[in-house]
Amino acid sequence: MDANNFLKQMLLMGIGTTSFVADKIREVSEEWVKEGRLNPDQAKAFVEDLMHQLRTDPSEWESQFQRQFRNIMQDFGVARQPEMDELRGRIDRLERQVRDLENKLWR
């Protein structure tokens, strides 16, 4: 699975999660109104405020997700592309050195 496809799938899961969260927010606010913790106007303002926060710019979501994803991958110890490139270069140099030493031994 390529990275772009994975990111798209994760973003879609985030959108689904957002929808689920929005439904739960509405349910909780309705319950709080029934229990008398909030009046209907407060509940409406509460839901609208949270919905506004959930509806922020999708490009901002993507950048936040990518940042969090990079942090998670780093926590798991997964090497980033520059690190992989550096390791490949080091392996290439070591292989050349081994070949050179083998050639010197066979002369």
C-alpha atoms as a PDB file:
ATOM      1  CA  MET A   1       0.000   0.000   0.000  1.00  0.00           C
ATOM      2  CA  ASP A   2       1.486   3.338  -0.987  1.00  0.00           C
ATOM      3  CA  ALA A   3       1.693   6.257   1.411  1.00  0.00           C
ATOM      4  CA  ASN A   4      -0.848   8.430  -0.459  1.00  0.00           C
ATOM      5  CA  ASN A   5      -3.465   5.686  -0.464  1.00  0.00           C
ATOM      6  CA  PHE A   6      -2.853   5.047   3.216  1.00  0.00           C
ATOM      7  CA  LEU A   7      -3.181   8.760   4.027  1.00  0.00           C
ATOM      8  CA  LYS A   8      -6.419   8.985   2.035  1.00  0.00           C
ATOM      9  CA  GLN A   9      -7.846   5.999   3.892  1.00  0.00           C
ATOM     10  CA  MET A  10      -6.851   7.489   7.226  1.00  0.00           C
ATOM     11  CA  LEU A  11      -8.377  10.832   6.234  1.00  0.00           C
ATOM     12  CA  LEU A  12     -11.637   9.094   5.276  1.00  0.00           C
ATOM     13  CA  MET A  13     -11.635   7.310   8.613  1.00  0.00           C
ATOM     14  CA  GLY A  14     -11.164  10.698  10.239  1.00  0.00           C
ATOM     15  CA  ILE A  15     -14.163  12.081   8.373  1.00  0.00           C
ATOM     16  CA  GLY A  16     -16.253   9.080   9.451  1.00  0.00           C
ATOM     17  CA  THR A  17     -15.077   9.561  13.005  1.00  0.00           C
ATOM     18  CA  THR A  18     -15.970  13.246  12.811  1.00  0.00           C
ATOM     19  CA  SER A  19     -19.491  12.361  11.704  1.00  0.00           C
ATOM     20  CA  PHE A  20     -19.796   9.879  14.560  1.00  0.00           C
ATOM     21  CA  VAL A  21     -18.497  12.453  17.049  1.00  0.00           C
ATOM     22  CA  ALA A  22     -20.969  15.045  15.745  1.00  0.00           C
ATOM     23  CA  ASP A  23     -23.862  12.638  16.306  1.00  0.00           C
ATOM     24  CA  LYS A  24     -22.659  11.864  19.824  1.00  0.00           C
ATOM     25  CA  ILE A  25     -22.253  15.570  20.611  1.00  0.00           C
ATOM     26  CA  ARG A  26     -25.876  16.153  19.616  1.00  0.00           C
ATOM     27  CA  GLU A  27     -27.040  13.201  21.718  1.00  0.00           C
ATOM     28  CA  VAL A  28     -25.103  14.372  24.776  1.00  0.00           C
ATOM     29  CA  SER A  29     -26.339  17.942  24.445  1.00  0.00           C
ATOM     30  CA  GLU A  30     -29.946  16.719  24.163  1.00  0.00           C
ATOM     31  CA  GLU A  31     -29.440  14.548  27.240  1.00  0.00           C
ATOM     32  CA  TRP A  32     -27.983  17.490  29.168  1.00  0.00           C
ATOM     33  CA  VAL A  33     -31.001  19.592  28.238  1.00  0.00           C
ATOM     34  CA  LYS A  34     -33.331  16.836  29.499  1.00  0.00           C
ATOM     35  CA  GLU A  35     -31.335  16.593  32.748  1.00  0.00           C
ATOM     36  CA  GLY A  36     -31.424  20.356  33.184  1.00  0.00           C
ATOM     37  CA  ARG A  37     -27.649  20.825  32.980  1.00  0.00           C
ATOM     38  CA  LEU A  38     -28.023  23.125  29.961  1.00  0.00           C
ATOM     39  CA  ASN A  39     -30.864  25.151  28.603  1.00  0.00           C
ATOM     40  CA  PRO A  40     -31.720  24.637  24.908  1.00  0.00           C
ATOM     41  CA  ASP A  41     -29.929  27.842  23.848  1.00  0.00           C
ATOM     42  CA  GLN A  42     -26.734  26.804  25.631  1.00  0.00           C
ATOM     43  CA  ALA A  43     -26.943  23.331  24.103  1.00  0.00           C
ATOM     44  CA  LYS A  44     -27.414  24.808  20.635  1.00  0.00           C
ATOM     45  CA  ALA A  45     -24.432  27.127  21.099  1.00  0.00           C
ATOM     46  CA  PHE A  46     -22.360  24.229  22.457  1.00  0.00           C
ATOM     47  CA  VAL A  47     -23.152  22.016  19.456  1.00  0.00           C
ATOM     48  CA  GLU A  48     -22.609  24.830  16.961  1.00  0.00           C
ATOM     49  CA  ASP A  49     -19.249  25.704  18.492  1.00  0.00           C
ATOM     50  CA  LEU A  50     -18.031  22.112  18.441  1.00  0.00           C
ATOM     51  CA  MET A  51     -19.371  21.568  14.917  1.00  0.00           C
ATOM     52  CA  HIS A  52     -17.554  24.691  13.769  1.00  0.00           C
ATOM     53  CA  GLN A  53     -14.336  23.312  15.230  1.00  0.00           C
ATOM     54  CA  LEU A  54     -14.937  19.952  13.504  1.00  0.00           C
ATOM     55  CA  ARG A  55     -15.588  21.660  10.168  1.00  0.00           C
ATOM     56  CA  THR A  56     -12.253  23.419  10.028  1.00  0.00           C
ATOM     57  CA  ASP A  57     -10.412  23.527   6.744  1.00  0.00           C
ATOM     58  CA  PRO A  58      -9.756  19.945   5.516  1.00  0.00           C
ATOM     59  CA  SER A  59      -6.233  20.912   4.419  1.00  0.00           C
ATOM     60  CA  GLU A  60      -5.576  21.828   8.048  1.00  0.00           C
ATOM     61  CA  TRP A  61      -6.841  18.384   9.071  1.00  0.00           C
ATOM     62  CA  GLU A  62      -4.503  16.765   6.597  1.00  0.00           C
ATOM     63  CA  SER A  63      -1.476  18.686   7.842  1.00  0.00           C
ATOM     64  CA  GLN A  64      -2.376  17.911  11.459  1.00  0.00           C
ATOM     65  CA  PHE A  65      -2.889  14.250  10.574  1.00  0.00           C
ATOM     66  CA  GLN A  66       0.427  14.067   8.723  1.00  0.00           C
ATOM     67  CA  ARG A  67       2.220  15.671  11.669  1.00  0.00           C
ATOM     68  CA  GLN A  68       0.618  13.229  14.111  1.00  0.00           C
ATOM     69  CA  PHE A  69       1.301  10.304  11.778  1.00  0.00           C
ATOM     70  CA  ARG A  70       5.001  11.279  11.524  1.00  0.00           C
ATOM     71  CA  ASN A  71       5.180  11.475  15.325  1.00  0.00           C
ATOM     72  CA  ILE A  72       3.580   8.047  15.708  1.00  0.00           C
ATOM     73  CA  MET A  73       5.915   6.509  13.146  1.00  0.00           C
ATOM     74  CA  GLN A  74       8.873   8.111  14.913  1.00  0.00           C
ATOM     75  CA  ASP A  75       7.653   6.720  18.251  1.00  0.00           C
ATOM     76  CA  PHE A  76       7.536   3.248  16.659  1.00  0.00           C
ATOM     77  CA  GLY A  77      11.107   3.721  15.451  1.00  0.00           C
ATOM     78  CA  VAL A  78      10.282   3.702  11.737  1.00  0.00           C
ATOM     79  CA  ALA A  79      13.042   5.368   9.749  1.00  0.00           C
ATOM     80  CA  ARG A  80      12.163   8.399   7.640  1.00  0.00           C
ATOM     81  CA  GLN A  81      13.156   8.640   3.977  1.00  0.00           C
ATOM     82  CA  PRO A  82      16.271  10.803   4.532  1.00  0.00           C
ATOM     83  CA  GLU A  83      17.494   8.305   7.124  1.00  0.00           C
ATOM     84  CA  MET A  84      16.877   5.419   4.720  1.00  0.00           C
ATOM     85  CA  ASP A  85      18.776   7.254   1.968  1.00  0.00           C
ATOM     86  CA  GLU A  86      21.706   7.838   4.312  1.00  0.00           C
ATOM     87  CA  LEU A  87      21.756   4.165   5.327  1.00  0.00           C
ATOM     88  CA  ARG A  88      21.667   3.068   1.681  1.00  0.00           C
ATOM     89  CA  GLY A  89      24.634   5.320   0.962  1.00  0.00           C
ATOM     90  CA  ARG A  90      26.548   3.884   3.897  1.00  0.00           C
ATOM     91  CA  ILE A  91      25.777   0.329   2.747  1.00  0.00           C
ATOM     92  CA  ASP A  92      26.980   1.172  -0.771  1.00  0.00           C
ATOM     93  CA  ARG A  93      30.260   2.554   0.607  1.00  0.00           C
ATOM     94  CA  LEU A  94      30.766  -0.500   2.835  1.00  0.00           C
ATOM     95  CA  GLU A  95      30.076  -2.865  -0.077  1.00  0.00           C
ATOM     96  CA  ARG A  96      32.685  -1.025  -2.179  1.00  0.00           C
ATOM     97  CA  GLN A  97      35.190  -1.267   0.646  1.00  0.00           C
ATOM     98  CA  VAL A  98      34.546  -5.007   1.018  1.00  0.00           C
ATOM     99  CA  ARG A  99      34.966  -5.513  -2.752  1.00  0.00           C
ATOM    100  CA  ASP A 100      38.204  -3.506  -2.690  1.00  0.00           C
ATOM    101  CA  LEU A 101      39.543  -5.608   0.202  1.00  0.00           C
ATOM    102  CA  GLU A 102      38.531  -8.841  -1.525  1.00  0.00           C
ATOM    103  CA  ASN A 103      40.257  -7.697  -4.720  1.00  0.00           C
ATOM    104  CA  LYS A 104      43.441  -6.888  -2.774  1.00  0.00           C
ATOM    105  CA  LEU A 105      43.418 -10.359  -1.184  1.00  0.00           C
ATOM    106  CA  TRP A 106      43.065 -12.116  -4.560  1.00  0.00           C
ATOM    107  CA  ARG A 107      45.979 -10.236  -6.195  1.00  0.00           C
END
